[in-house]
Amino acid sequence: MDIQDKISKMLYENGVSDVGFSKLPDGPFGENSYALTVVVNLSNAVVDEIDGEPTHTYFHHYRTVNAYIDNICLRAGLMLQANGYRYIPVGASQSINKDGWNYKGRYSHKKAATLAGLGGIGKNSLFLHKKFGANVRLGTVITDCPFEIDEKEYSSPCVECDACVKACPSGAITGKLWQPGMEREEVFNPQKCSEYMKKEFKHIGRGAVCGVCMSVCPVCKGKV
């Protein structure tokens, strides 16, 4: 069993919902940049309770799942390093303030997951997993380990509806359907979303979460 299979086996045995591998065109290891994507399906029952605003239960669940993802990605990274490869784990929910802009992470989890063929991006700018839809959190480990990659053509799982556009309380969703090559800001305004959360949802996790667009998205298990 090679290292890629060993990592997949470890991840599934520890409860992750899906695993994917991709080659990155713009990773930190140049032409030798690859990514491991970890998918965790959120509790559908918790997400279903979101109605116009996040719940305290969702905020706790969100943080717990993020911590789990960071932990399991570290374990995968340590396995890679023990086998002679370099690795960089990308925080499950970490913003990096660069040049006054605080709405991007080290690397896009959604981009890596999309390149791995695990799903696509909806009008809500969320990653829509091919089985679990919007009810997921993602983790990414970038490495120079030459994973075996199965190239897949991009196909958007987003259905023709405006449920997320109408439900978004901040008006941050433009209604455009994302396609490869488009900037996130053409689809979604992260600053508008963040400022609204911090103002209106301060009583729940100091305005760190929302989840409304996820809760109304029909592209999730059992709805489409």
C-alpha atoms as a PDB file:
ATOM      1  CA  MET A   1       0.000   0.000   0.000  1.00  0.00           C
ATOM      2  CA  ASP A   2       1.502   3.347  -1.036  1.00  0.00           C
ATOM      3  CA  ILE A   3       1.410   6.548   1.027  1.00  0.00           C
ATOM      4  CA  GLN A   4      -1.629   7.924  -0.843  1.00  0.00           C
ATOM      5  CA  ASP A   5      -3.655   4.807  -0.056  1.00  0.00           C
ATOM      6  CA  LYS A   6      -2.425   4.764   3.549  1.00  0.00           C
ATOM      7  CA  ILE A   7      -3.513   8.375   4.078  1.00  0.00           C
ATOM      8  CA  SER A   8      -6.929   7.727   2.515  1.00  0.00           C
ATOM      9  CA  LYS A   9      -7.409   4.655   4.704  1.00  0.00           C
ATOM     10  CA  MET A  10      -6.449   6.597   7.847  1.00  0.00           C
ATOM     11  CA  LEU A  11      -8.806   9.449   7.007  1.00  0.00           C
ATOM     12  CA  TYR A  12     -11.824   7.263   6.273  1.00  0.00           C
ATOM     13  CA  GLU A  13     -11.195   5.137   9.375  1.00  0.00           C
ATOM     14  CA  ASN A  14     -11.259   8.345  11.408  1.00  0.00           C
ATOM     15  CA  GLY A  15     -14.643   9.391  10.069  1.00  0.00           C
ATOM     16  CA  VAL A  16     -14.091  11.877   7.249  1.00  0.00           C
ATOM     17  CA  SER A  17     -16.850  11.903   4.643  1.00  0.00           C
ATOM     18  CA  ASP A  18     -14.760  12.109   1.473  1.00  0.00           C
ATOM     19  CA  VAL A  19     -11.160  12.480   0.312  1.00  0.00           C
ATOM     20  CA  GLY A  20      -9.733  13.916  -2.906  1.00  0.00           C
ATOM     21  CA  PHE A  21      -6.365  14.584  -4.509  1.00  0.00           C
ATOM     22  CA  SER A  22      -5.363  17.267  -7.000  1.00  0.00           C
ATOM     23  CA  LYS A  23      -2.377  18.874  -8.699  1.00  0.00           C
ATOM     24  CA  LEU A  24      -2.155  22.599  -8.027  1.00  0.00           C
ATOM     25  CA  PRO A  25      -1.169  25.008 -10.808  1.00  0.00           C
ATOM     26  CA  ASP A  26      -0.115  27.683  -8.305  1.00  0.00           C
ATOM     27  CA  GLY A  27       1.068  25.890  -5.171  1.00  0.00           C
ATOM     28  CA  PRO A  28       4.093  26.701  -2.980  1.00  0.00           C
ATOM     29  CA  PHE A  29       6.125  23.764  -4.280  1.00  0.00           C
ATOM     30  CA  GLY A  30       6.042  24.900  -7.910  1.00  0.00           C
ATOM     31  CA  GLU A  31       5.420  22.146 -10.425  1.00  0.00           C
ATOM     32  CA  ASN A  32       5.525  19.616  -7.602  1.00  0.00           C
ATOM     33  CA  SER A  33       2.512  21.080  -5.761  1.00  0.00           C
ATOM     34  CA  TYR A  34      -0.254  18.645  -4.920  1.00  0.00           C
ATOM     35  CA  ALA A  35      -3.200  18.857  -2.549  1.00  0.00           C
ATOM     36  CA  LEU A  36      -5.096  16.500  -0.304  1.00  0.00           C
ATOM     37  CA  THR A  37      -8.700  17.575   0.311  1.00  0.00           C
ATOM     38  CA  VAL A  38     -10.693  16.383   3.304  1.00  0.00           C
ATOM     39  CA  VAL A  39     -14.495  16.691   3.343  1.00  0.00           C
ATOM     40  CA  VAL A  40     -16.610  16.485   6.499  1.00  0.00           C
ATOM     41  CA  ASN A  41     -20.394  16.362   6.205  1.00  0.00           C
ATOM     42  CA  LEU A  42     -22.013  18.674   8.746  1.00  0.00           C
ATOM     43  CA  SER A  43     -24.967  17.537  10.826  1.00  0.00           C
ATOM     44  CA  ASN A  44     -28.014  17.973   8.614  1.00  0.00           C
ATOM     45  CA  ALA A  45     -30.166  18.317  11.738  1.00  0.00           C
ATOM     46  CA  VAL A  46     -28.042  21.211  13.015  1.00  0.00           C
ATOM     47  CA  VAL A  47     -28.094  22.974   9.639  1.00  0.00           C
ATOM     48  CA  ASP A  48     -31.865  22.494   9.348  1.00  0.00           C
ATOM     49  CA  GLU A  49     -32.345  24.528  12.545  1.00  0.00           C
ATOM     50  CA  ILE A  50     -30.879  27.643  10.906  1.00  0.00           C
ATOM     51  CA  ASP A  51     -33.820  29.903  10.086  1.00  0.00           C
ATOM     52  CA  GLY A  52     -32.929  33.472   9.160  1.00  0.00           C
ATOM     53  CA  GLU A  53     -29.923  33.514  11.481  1.00  0.00           C
ATOM     54  CA  PRO A  54     -27.348  31.069  12.884  1.00  0.00           C
ATOM     55  CA  THR A  55     -27.980  29.135  16.078  1.00  0.00           C
ATOM     56  CA  HIS A  56     -25.722  28.691  19.087  1.00  0.00           C
ATOM     57  CA  THR A  57     -25.657  24.978  18.287  1.00  0.00           C
ATOM     58  CA  TYR A  58     -24.454  25.665  14.738  1.00  0.00           C
ATOM     59  CA  PHE A  59     -21.701  27.980  15.998  1.00  0.00           C
ATOM     60  CA  HIS A  60     -20.431  25.255  18.357  1.00  0.00           C
ATOM     61  CA  HIS A  61     -20.729  22.574  15.664  1.00  0.00           C
ATOM     62  CA  TYR A  62     -18.879  24.780  13.158  1.00  0.00           C
ATOM     63  CA  ARG A  63     -15.948  25.285  15.544  1.00  0.00           C
ATOM     64  CA  THR A  64     -15.849  21.622  16.565  1.00  0.00           C
ATOM     65  CA  VAL A  65     -15.740  20.415  12.956  1.00  0.00           C
ATOM     66  CA  ASN A  66     -13.037  22.944  12.069  1.00  0.00           C
ATOM     67  CA  ALA A  67     -10.895  21.740  14.979  1.00  0.00           C
ATOM     68  CA  TYR A  68     -11.413  18.125  13.902  1.00  0.00           C
ATOM     69  CA  ILE A  69     -10.385  18.956  10.326  1.00  0.00           C
ATOM     70  CA  ASP A  70      -7.242  20.763  11.462  1.00  0.00           C
ATOM     71  CA  ASN A  71      -6.326  17.795  13.643  1.00  0.00           C
ATOM     72  CA  ILE A  72      -6.901  15.144  10.982  1.00  0.00           C
ATOM     73  CA  CYS A  73      -5.021  17.191   8.359  1.00  0.00           C
ATOM     74  CA  LEU A  74      -2.072  17.437  10.744  1.00  0.00           C
ATOM     75  CA  ARG A  75      -2.086  13.654  11.099  1.00  0.00           C
ATOM     76  CA  ALA A  76      -2.054  13.284   7.322  1.00  0.00           C
ATOM     77  CA  GLY A  77       0.773  15.813   7.070  1.00  0.00           C
ATOM     78  CA  LEU A  78       2.844  13.984   9.663  1.00  0.00           C
ATOM     79  CA  MET A  79       2.423  10.785   7.659  1.00  0.00           C
ATOM     80  CA  LEU A  80       3.679  12.580   4.563  1.00  0.00           C
ATOM     81  CA  GLN A  81       6.660  14.025   6.399  1.00  0.00           C
ATOM     82  CA  ALA A  82       7.559  10.641   7.896  1.00  0.00           C
ATOM     83  CA  ASN A  83       7.749   9.350   4.320  1.00  0.00           C
ATOM     84  CA  GLY A  84      10.124  12.103   3.191  1.00  0.00           C
ATOM     85  CA  TYR A  85       7.671  14.649   1.782  1.00  0.00           C
ATOM     86  CA  ARG A  86       7.010  18.261   2.737  1.00  0.00           C
ATOM     87  CA  TYR A  87       3.556  19.443   3.710  1.00  0.00           C
ATOM     88  CA  ILE A  88       1.675  22.649   4.520  1.00  0.00           C
ATOM     89  CA  PRO A  89      -1.718  22.341   6.242  1.00  0.00           C
ATOM     90  CA  VAL A  90      -4.194  25.098   5.394  1.00  0.00           C
ATOM     91  CA  GLY A  91      -6.337  26.169   8.338  1.00  0.00           C
ATOM     92  CA  ALA A  92      -9.944  25.027   8.065  1.00  0.00           C
ATOM     93  CA  SER A  93     -11.127  28.533   8.916  1.00  0.00           C
ATOM     94  CA  GLN A  94      -8.248  30.998   8.929  1.00  0.00           C
ATOM     95  CA  SER A  95      -8.238  34.411   7.304  1.00  0.00           C
ATOM     96  CA  ILE A  96      -4.927  36.075   6.474  1.00  0.00           C
ATOM     97  CA  ASN A  97      -4.871  39.857   6.587  1.00  0.00           C
ATOM     98  CA  LYS A  98      -2.767  40.964   3.646  1.00  0.00           C
ATOM     99  CA  ASP A  99      -2.628  44.495   2.273  1.00  0.00           C
ATOM    100  CA  GLY A 100      -5.645  45.440   4.385  1.00  0.00           C
ATOM    101  CA  TRP A 101      -7.831  42.647   2.957  1.00  0.00           C
ATOM    102  CA  ASN A 102      -8.917  40.099   5.537  1.00  0.00           C
ATOM    103  CA  TYR A 103     -11.090  37.759   3.485  1.00  0.00           C
ATOM    104  CA  LYS A 104      -8.758  35.144   2.018  1.00  0.00           C
ATOM    105  CA  GLY A 105      -6.965  32.126   3.415  1.00  0.00           C
ATOM    106  CA  ARG A 106      -3.552  30.631   2.673  1.00  0.00           C
ATOM    107  CA  TYR A 107      -5.068  28.680  -0.233  1.00  0.00           C
ATOM    108  CA  SER A 108      -8.645  28.196  -1.400  1.00  0.00           C
ATOM    109  CA  HIS A 109     -10.130  24.981  -0.011  1.00  0.00           C
ATOM    110  CA  LYS A 110     -12.868  25.254  -2.637  1.00  0.00           C
ATOM    111  CA  LYS A 111     -10.349  25.479  -5.472  1.00  0.00           C
ATOM    112  CA  ALA A 112      -8.459  22.394  -4.330  1.00  0.00           C
ATOM    113  CA  ALA A 113     -11.698  20.449  -3.809  1.00  0.00           C
ATOM    114  CA  THR A 114     -12.976  21.476  -7.227  1.00  0.00           C
ATOM    115  CA  LEU A 115      -9.718  20.441  -8.912  1.00  0.00           C
ATOM    116  CA  ALA A 116     -10.052  17.078  -7.146  1.00  0.00           C
ATOM    117  CA  GLY A 117     -13.448  16.564  -8.796  1.00  0.00           C
ATOM    118  CA  LEU A 118     -15.332  16.426  -5.485  1.00  0.00           C
ATOM    119  CA  GLY A 119     -17.952  18.972  -6.523  1.00  0.00           C
ATOM    120  CA  GLY A 120     -18.248  22.605  -7.567  1.00  0.00           C
ATOM    121  CA  ILE A 121     -19.131  26.115  -6.463  1.00  0.00           C
ATOM    122  CA  GLY A 122     -22.660  27.455  -6.254  1.00  0.00           C
ATOM    123  CA  LYS A 123     -24.176  30.912  -6.581  1.00  0.00           C
ATOM    124  CA  ASN A 124     -23.742  31.224  -2.823  1.00  0.00           C
ATOM    125  CA  SER A 125     -19.971  30.870  -3.335  1.00  0.00           C
ATOM    126  CA  LEU A 126     -20.069  27.729  -1.188  1.00  0.00           C
ATOM    127  CA  PHE A 127     -18.487  24.465  -2.226  1.00  0.00           C
ATOM    128  CA  LEU A 128     -21.244  22.029  -3.187  1.00  0.00           C
ATOM    129  CA  HIS A 129     -20.130  18.453  -2.702  1.00  0.00           C
ATOM    130  CA  LYS A 130     -21.418  15.999  -5.290  1.00  0.00           C
ATOM    131  CA  LYS A 131     -23.193  13.968  -2.570  1.00  0.00           C
ATOM    132  CA  PHE A 132     -23.565  16.195   0.512  1.00  0.00           C
ATOM    133  CA  GLY A 133     -24.122  19.519  -1.215  1.00  0.00           C
ATOM    134  CA  ALA A 134     -23.508  22.668   0.804  1.00  0.00           C
ATOM    135  CA  ASN A 135     -23.526  20.907   4.191  1.00  0.00           C
ATOM    136  CA  VAL A 136     -19.773  20.385   4.371  1.00  0.00           C
ATOM    137  CA  ARG A 137     -16.534  21.806   5.752  1.00  0.00           C
ATOM    138  CA  LEU A 138     -13.233  21.374   3.937  1.00  0.00           C
ATOM    139  CA  GLY A 139      -9.606  20.849   4.863  1.00  0.00           C
ATOM    140  CA  THR A 140      -6.518  21.047   2.635  1.00  0.00           C
ATOM    141  CA  VAL A 141      -2.968  19.769   2.920  1.00  0.00           C
ATOM    142  CA  ILE A 142      -0.512  20.996   0.277  1.00  0.00           C
ATOM    143  CA  THR A 143       2.460  18.744  -0.362  1.00  0.00           C
ATOM    144  CA  ASP A 144       5.221  17.826  -2.808  1.00  0.00           C
ATOM    145  CA  CYS A 145       4.143  14.185  -2.696  1.00  0.00           C
ATOM    146  CA  PRO A 146       3.304  13.193  -6.307  1.00  0.00           C
ATOM    147  CA  PHE A 147      -0.228  11.915  -5.796  1.00  0.00           C
ATOM    148  CA  GLU A 148      -1.892   9.915  -8.530  1.00  0.00           C
ATOM    149  CA  ILE A 149      -4.441  12.288 -10.037  1.00  0.00           C
ATOM    150  CA  ASP A 150      -7.598  11.509 -11.996  1.00  0.00           C
ATOM    151  CA  GLU A 151      -8.230  14.611 -14.135  1.00  0.00           C
ATOM    152  CA  LYS A 152     -11.895  15.596 -14.282  1.00  0.00           C
ATOM    153  CA  GLU A 153     -13.733  18.225 -16.303  1.00  0.00           C
ATOM    154  CA  TYR A 154     -15.488  20.840 -14.169  1.00  0.00           C
ATOM    155  CA  SER A 155     -19.258  20.594 -13.915  1.00  0.00           C
ATOM    156  CA  SER A 156     -21.283  22.886 -11.661  1.00  0.00           C
ATOM    157  CA  PRO A 157     -23.757  21.107  -9.363  1.00  0.00           C
ATOM    158  CA  CYS A 158     -25.631  24.365  -8.730  1.00  0.00           C
ATOM    159  CA  VAL A 159     -29.275  24.177  -9.811  1.00  0.00           C
ATOM    160  CA  GLU A 160     -31.097  27.026 -11.527  1.00  0.00           C
ATOM    161  CA  CYS A 161     -32.618  28.753  -8.524  1.00  0.00           C
ATOM    162  CA  ASP A 162     -32.094  31.918  -6.497  1.00  0.00           C
ATOM    163  CA  ALA A 163     -32.865  30.537  -3.036  1.00  0.00           C
ATOM    164  CA  CYS A 164     -29.544  31.674  -1.593  1.00  0.00           C
ATOM    165  CA  VAL A 165     -29.719  35.079  -3.281  1.00  0.00           C
ATOM    166  CA  LYS A 166     -33.164  35.757  -1.812  1.00  0.00           C
ATOM    167  CA  ALA A 167     -32.300  34.391   1.637  1.00  0.00           C
ATOM    168  CA  CYS A 168     -28.965  36.154   2.169  1.00  0.00           C
ATOM    169  CA  PRO A 169     -29.678  38.812   4.811  1.00  0.00           C
ATOM    170  CA  SER A 170     -26.617  40.879   3.859  1.00  0.00           C
ATOM    171  CA  GLY A 171     -27.220  40.984   0.101  1.00  0.00           C
ATOM    172  CA  ALA A 172     -23.694  39.688  -0.452  1.00  0.00           C
ATOM    173  CA  ILE A 173     -24.658  37.144  -3.159  1.00  0.00           C
ATOM    174  CA  THR A 174     -24.772  38.614  -6.669  1.00  0.00           C
ATOM    175  CA  GLY A 175     -26.741  35.784  -8.288  1.00  0.00           C
ATOM    176  CA  LYS A 176     -24.089  34.962 -10.884  1.00  0.00           C
ATOM    177  CA  LEU A 177     -23.137  31.324 -11.361  1.00  0.00           C
ATOM    178  CA  TRP A 178     -19.423  30.730 -10.817  1.00  0.00           C
ATOM    179  CA  GLN A 179     -17.405  29.293 -13.686  1.00  0.00           C
ATOM    180  CA  PRO A 180     -13.677  28.453 -13.822  1.00  0.00           C
ATOM    181  CA  GLY A 181     -11.641  31.620 -14.199  1.00  0.00           C
ATOM    182  CA  MET A 182     -14.119  33.899 -12.411  1.00  0.00           C
ATOM    183  CA  GLU A 183     -13.030  35.859  -9.359  1.00  0.00           C
ATOM    184  CA  ARG A 184     -14.946  35.136  -6.155  1.00  0.00           C
ATOM    185  CA  GLU A 185     -15.999  38.771  -5.891  1.00  0.00           C
ATOM    186  CA  GLU A 186     -18.060  38.429  -9.092  1.00  0.00           C
ATOM    187  CA  VAL A 187     -20.259  35.952  -7.230  1.00  0.00           C
ATOM    188  CA  PHE A 188     -19.985  36.988  -3.603  1.00  0.00           C
ATOM    189  CA  ASN A 189     -18.907  39.993  -1.533  1.00  0.00           C
ATOM    190  CA  PRO A 190     -17.097  38.594   1.544  1.00  0.00           C
ATOM    191  CA  GLN A 191     -16.676  41.975   3.204  1.00  0.00           C
ATOM    192  CA  LYS A 192     -20.394  42.708   3.005  1.00  0.00           C
ATOM    193  CA  CYS A 193     -21.169  39.299   4.489  1.00  0.00           C
ATOM    194  CA  SER A 194     -18.632  39.626   7.302  1.00  0.00           C
ATOM    195  CA  GLU A 195     -19.654  43.126   8.328  1.00  0.00           C
ATOM    196  CA  TYR A 196     -23.320  42.107   8.468  1.00  0.00           C
ATOM    197  CA  MET A 197     -22.553  39.062  10.629  1.00  0.00           C
ATOM    198  CA  LYS A 198     -20.464  41.078  13.062  1.00  0.00           C
ATOM    199  CA  LYS A 199     -23.246  43.619  13.445  1.00  0.00           C
ATOM    200  CA  GLU A 200     -26.410  41.504  13.398  1.00  0.00           C
ATOM    201  CA  PHE A 201     -25.209  38.159  14.812  1.00  0.00           C
ATOM    202  CA  LYS A 202     -22.902  39.464  17.526  1.00  0.00           C
ATOM    203  CA  HIS A 203     -24.980  37.585  20.126  1.00  0.00           C
ATOM    204  CA  ILE A 204     -23.980  34.273  18.498  1.00  0.00           C
ATOM    205  CA  GLY A 205     -20.243  33.654  18.503  1.00  0.00           C
ATOM    206  CA  ARG A 206     -19.492  37.377  18.231  1.00  0.00           C
ATOM    207  CA  GLY A 207     -20.738  37.386  14.636  1.00  0.00           C
ATOM    208  CA  ALA A 208     -18.359  34.726  13.328  1.00  0.00           C
ATOM    209  CA  VAL A 209     -20.915  32.543  11.515  1.00  0.00           C
ATOM    210  CA  CYS A 210     -24.135  32.754   9.537  1.00  0.00           C
ATOM    211  CA  GLY A 211     -25.069  29.670   7.487  1.00  0.00           C
ATOM    212  CA  VAL A 212     -28.343  31.004   6.072  1.00  0.00           C
ATOM    213  CA  CYS A 213     -27.344  30.495   2.421  1.00  0.00           C
ATOM    214  CA  MET A 214     -26.221  26.955   3.244  1.00  0.00           C
ATOM    215  CA  SER A 215     -29.441  26.076   5.054  1.00  0.00           C
ATOM    216  CA  VAL A 216     -31.669  27.042   2.103  1.00  0.00           C
ATOM    217  CA  CYS A 217     -29.510  25.479  -0.628  1.00  0.00           C
ATOM    218  CA  PRO A 218     -31.420  22.610  -2.287  1.00  0.00           C
ATOM    219  CA  VAL A 219     -28.207  20.931  -3.408  1.00  0.00           C
ATOM    220  CA  CYS A 220     -27.676  18.784  -0.357  1.00  0.00           C
ATOM    221  CA  LYS A 221     -28.435  15.214   0.596  1.00  0.00           C
ATOM    222  CA  GLY A 222     -32.117  14.413   0.384  1.00  0.00           C
ATOM    223  CA  LYS A 223     -33.165  17.696  -1.273  1.00  0.00           C
ATOM    224  CA  VAL A 224     -32.091  17.209  -4.904  1.00  0.00           C
END
